[in-house]
Amino acid sequence: MVTDKRWALGNFAHENVVVYSNLKTVYESADSNSGYLYKFVTDKEKDLSSRKPYLYIGGKDGTGNSEQLNNSIIEERNSTLAKSVAVGAKVFGGIEDVEIGPDGMVYFAVKPENKVYRFQDSDP
């Protein structure tokens, strides 16, 4: 079996991936000092080849929202981190874990701050 690269995920060091119970939504962070939090939504369950990328923008108190990133051509997919900066993504300084709690909230640990943040995604 040949596995193809999942181009729609964007080009950055992926880390801390967790899949929502709908099997269409994935949360993860960039393995970098920026510590951006990403959400990817697939068109079909368990199909990672076609995804819409979103980026967390807003306060660290969970009042932010996810903004969709343009990601349809190679140039866009190869500049995910640069685009994240351009749209004002929230910098967390290094996310070390992302989890979905039994309460449906998304939790993520930020090691340099020694804190765990959480937010409710109203549209996973």
Protein backbone atom coordinates (compact mmCIF):
# COMPACT_ATOMS: atom_id res chain seq x y z
CA MET A 1 0.00 0.00 0.00
CA VAL A 2 1.31 3.44 -0.91
CA THR A 3 0.53 6.28 1.45
CA ASP A 4 0.29 9.76 0.02
CA LYS A 5 1.32 12.87 1.88
CA ARG A 6 -1.63 14.74 3.33
CA TRP A 7 -1.05 18.02 1.51
CA ALA A 8 -4.19 19.67 2.84
CA LEU A 9 -2.74 19.66 6.36
CA GLY A 10 -0.26 22.38 5.46
CA ASN A 11 3.52 22.36 5.67
CA PHE A 12 4.74 22.72 9.25
CA ALA A 13 5.97 20.44 12.05
CA HIS A 14 2.75 18.78 13.26
CA GLU A 15 2.44 17.77 16.91
CA ASN A 16 -0.15 16.77 19.51
CA VAL A 17 -2.86 15.52 17.17
CA VAL A 18 -6.25 14.58 18.60
CA VAL A 19 -9.37 13.49 16.64
CA TYR A 20 -12.85 14.65 17.66
CA SER A 21 -15.58 12.01 18.08
CA ASN A 22 -17.22 13.01 14.76
CA LEU A 23 -14.13 11.55 12.99
CA LYS A 24 -14.02 14.66 10.78
CA THR A 25 -12.28 17.20 13.02
CA VAL A 26 -8.64 17.14 14.09
CA TYR A 27 -6.95 19.52 16.53
CA GLU A 28 -3.18 19.90 16.66
CA SER A 29 -0.38 22.32 17.31
CA ALA A 30 2.67 23.48 15.45
CA ASP A 31 5.88 22.10 16.96
CA SER A 32 7.53 25.51 17.12
CA ASN A 33 8.03 28.37 19.53
CA SER A 34 4.91 30.02 18.17
CA GLY A 35 2.69 27.25 19.47
CA TYR A 36 -0.27 27.94 17.19
CA LEU A 37 -3.39 25.84 17.65
CA TYR A 38 -4.93 24.44 14.46
CA LYS A 39 -8.21 22.71 13.66
CA PHE A 40 -8.73 20.74 10.46
CA VAL A 41 -12.17 19.67 9.26
CA THR A 42 -12.50 16.93 6.66
CA ASP A 43 -15.23 16.64 4.06
CA LYS A 44 -15.83 12.97 4.94
CA GLU A 45 -15.23 10.86 8.05
CA LYS A 46 -11.71 9.43 8.28
CA ASP A 47 -10.64 11.05 4.99
CA LEU A 48 -7.56 13.17 5.61
CA SER A 49 -6.98 14.03 1.97
CA SER A 50 -9.44 16.91 1.81
CA ARG A 51 -9.39 19.25 4.76
CA LYS A 52 -10.20 22.81 5.65
CA PRO A 53 -7.63 24.34 8.00
CA TYR A 54 -8.58 26.71 10.79
CA LEU A 55 -6.44 28.66 13.21
CA TYR A 56 -7.26 29.78 16.76
CA ILE A 57 -7.41 33.57 17.02
CA GLY A 58 -8.43 35.43 20.15
CA GLY A 59 -7.87 35.55 23.86
CA LYS A 60 -6.20 32.97 26.03
CA ASP A 61 -9.33 32.93 28.15
CA GLY A 62 -11.16 30.75 25.62
CA THR A 63 -13.11 33.60 24.04
CA GLY A 64 -11.38 33.25 20.69
CA ASN A 65 -12.59 31.61 17.54
CA SER A 66 -11.23 29.60 14.65
CA GLU A 67 -10.58 31.43 11.39
CA GLN A 68 -10.32 29.44 8.16
CA LEU A 69 -7.00 29.67 6.31
CA ASN A 70 -6.74 29.66 2.53
CA ASN A 71 -5.15 26.33 1.70
CA SER A 72 -6.12 25.27 -1.80
CA ILE A 73 -2.88 25.69 -3.76
CA ILE A 74 0.69 24.53 -3.16
CA GLU A 75 2.00 27.99 -2.29
CA GLU A 76 -0.63 28.37 0.44
CA ARG A 77 0.01 24.90 1.83
CA ASN A 78 3.75 25.55 1.97
CA SER A 79 3.38 28.80 3.93
CA THR A 80 1.06 27.79 6.77
CA LEU A 81 3.16 29.34 9.55
CA ALA A 82 3.72 32.60 7.66
CA LYS A 83 -0.01 32.86 6.98
CA SER A 84 -0.70 32.19 10.66
CA VAL A 85 1.38 35.22 11.61
CA ALA A 86 -0.29 37.36 8.95
CA VAL A 87 -3.83 36.70 10.21
CA GLY A 88 -2.96 37.37 13.85
CA ALA A 89 -2.95 33.88 15.30
CA LYS A 90 -2.69 33.63 19.07
CA VAL A 91 0.86 32.73 20.10
CA PHE A 92 0.98 30.24 22.96
CA GLY A 93 4.75 29.80 23.06
CA GLY A 94 4.83 26.02 22.71
CA ILE A 95 1.83 23.74 23.06
CA GLU A 96 2.81 20.37 24.51
CA ASP A 97 -0.49 18.47 24.48
CA VAL A 98 -3.98 18.75 23.00
CA GLU A 99 -6.89 16.66 24.31
CA ILE A 100 -10.67 16.58 24.12
CA GLY A 101 -12.27 16.16 27.53
CA PRO A 102 -15.36 14.11 28.38
CA ASP A 103 -17.15 17.47 28.63
CA GLY A 104 -16.41 18.10 24.91
CA MET A 105 -14.04 20.96 25.64
CA VAL A 106 -10.66 21.16 23.91
CA TYR A 107 -7.76 21.31 26.39
CA PHE A 108 -4.16 22.13 25.61
CA ALA A 109 -1.07 22.47 27.78
CA VAL A 110 1.42 25.28 27.29
CA LYS A 111 4.70 24.23 28.85
CA PRO A 112 6.54 27.60 29.02
CA GLU A 113 3.55 29.13 30.84
CA ASN A 114 2.92 26.05 33.01
CA LYS A 115 -0.80 26.34 32.20
CA VAL A 116 -3.61 24.32 30.69
CA TYR A 117 -6.08 26.26 28.55
CA ARG A 118 -9.51 25.15 27.39
CA PHE A 119 -12.24 26.27 25.07
CA GLN A 120 -15.57 25.04 23.77
CA ASP A 121 -15.65 24.62 20.00
CA SER A 122 -19.21 25.47 19.00
CA ASP A 123 -18.72 23.97 15.54
CA PRO A 124 -16.41 20.94 15.58
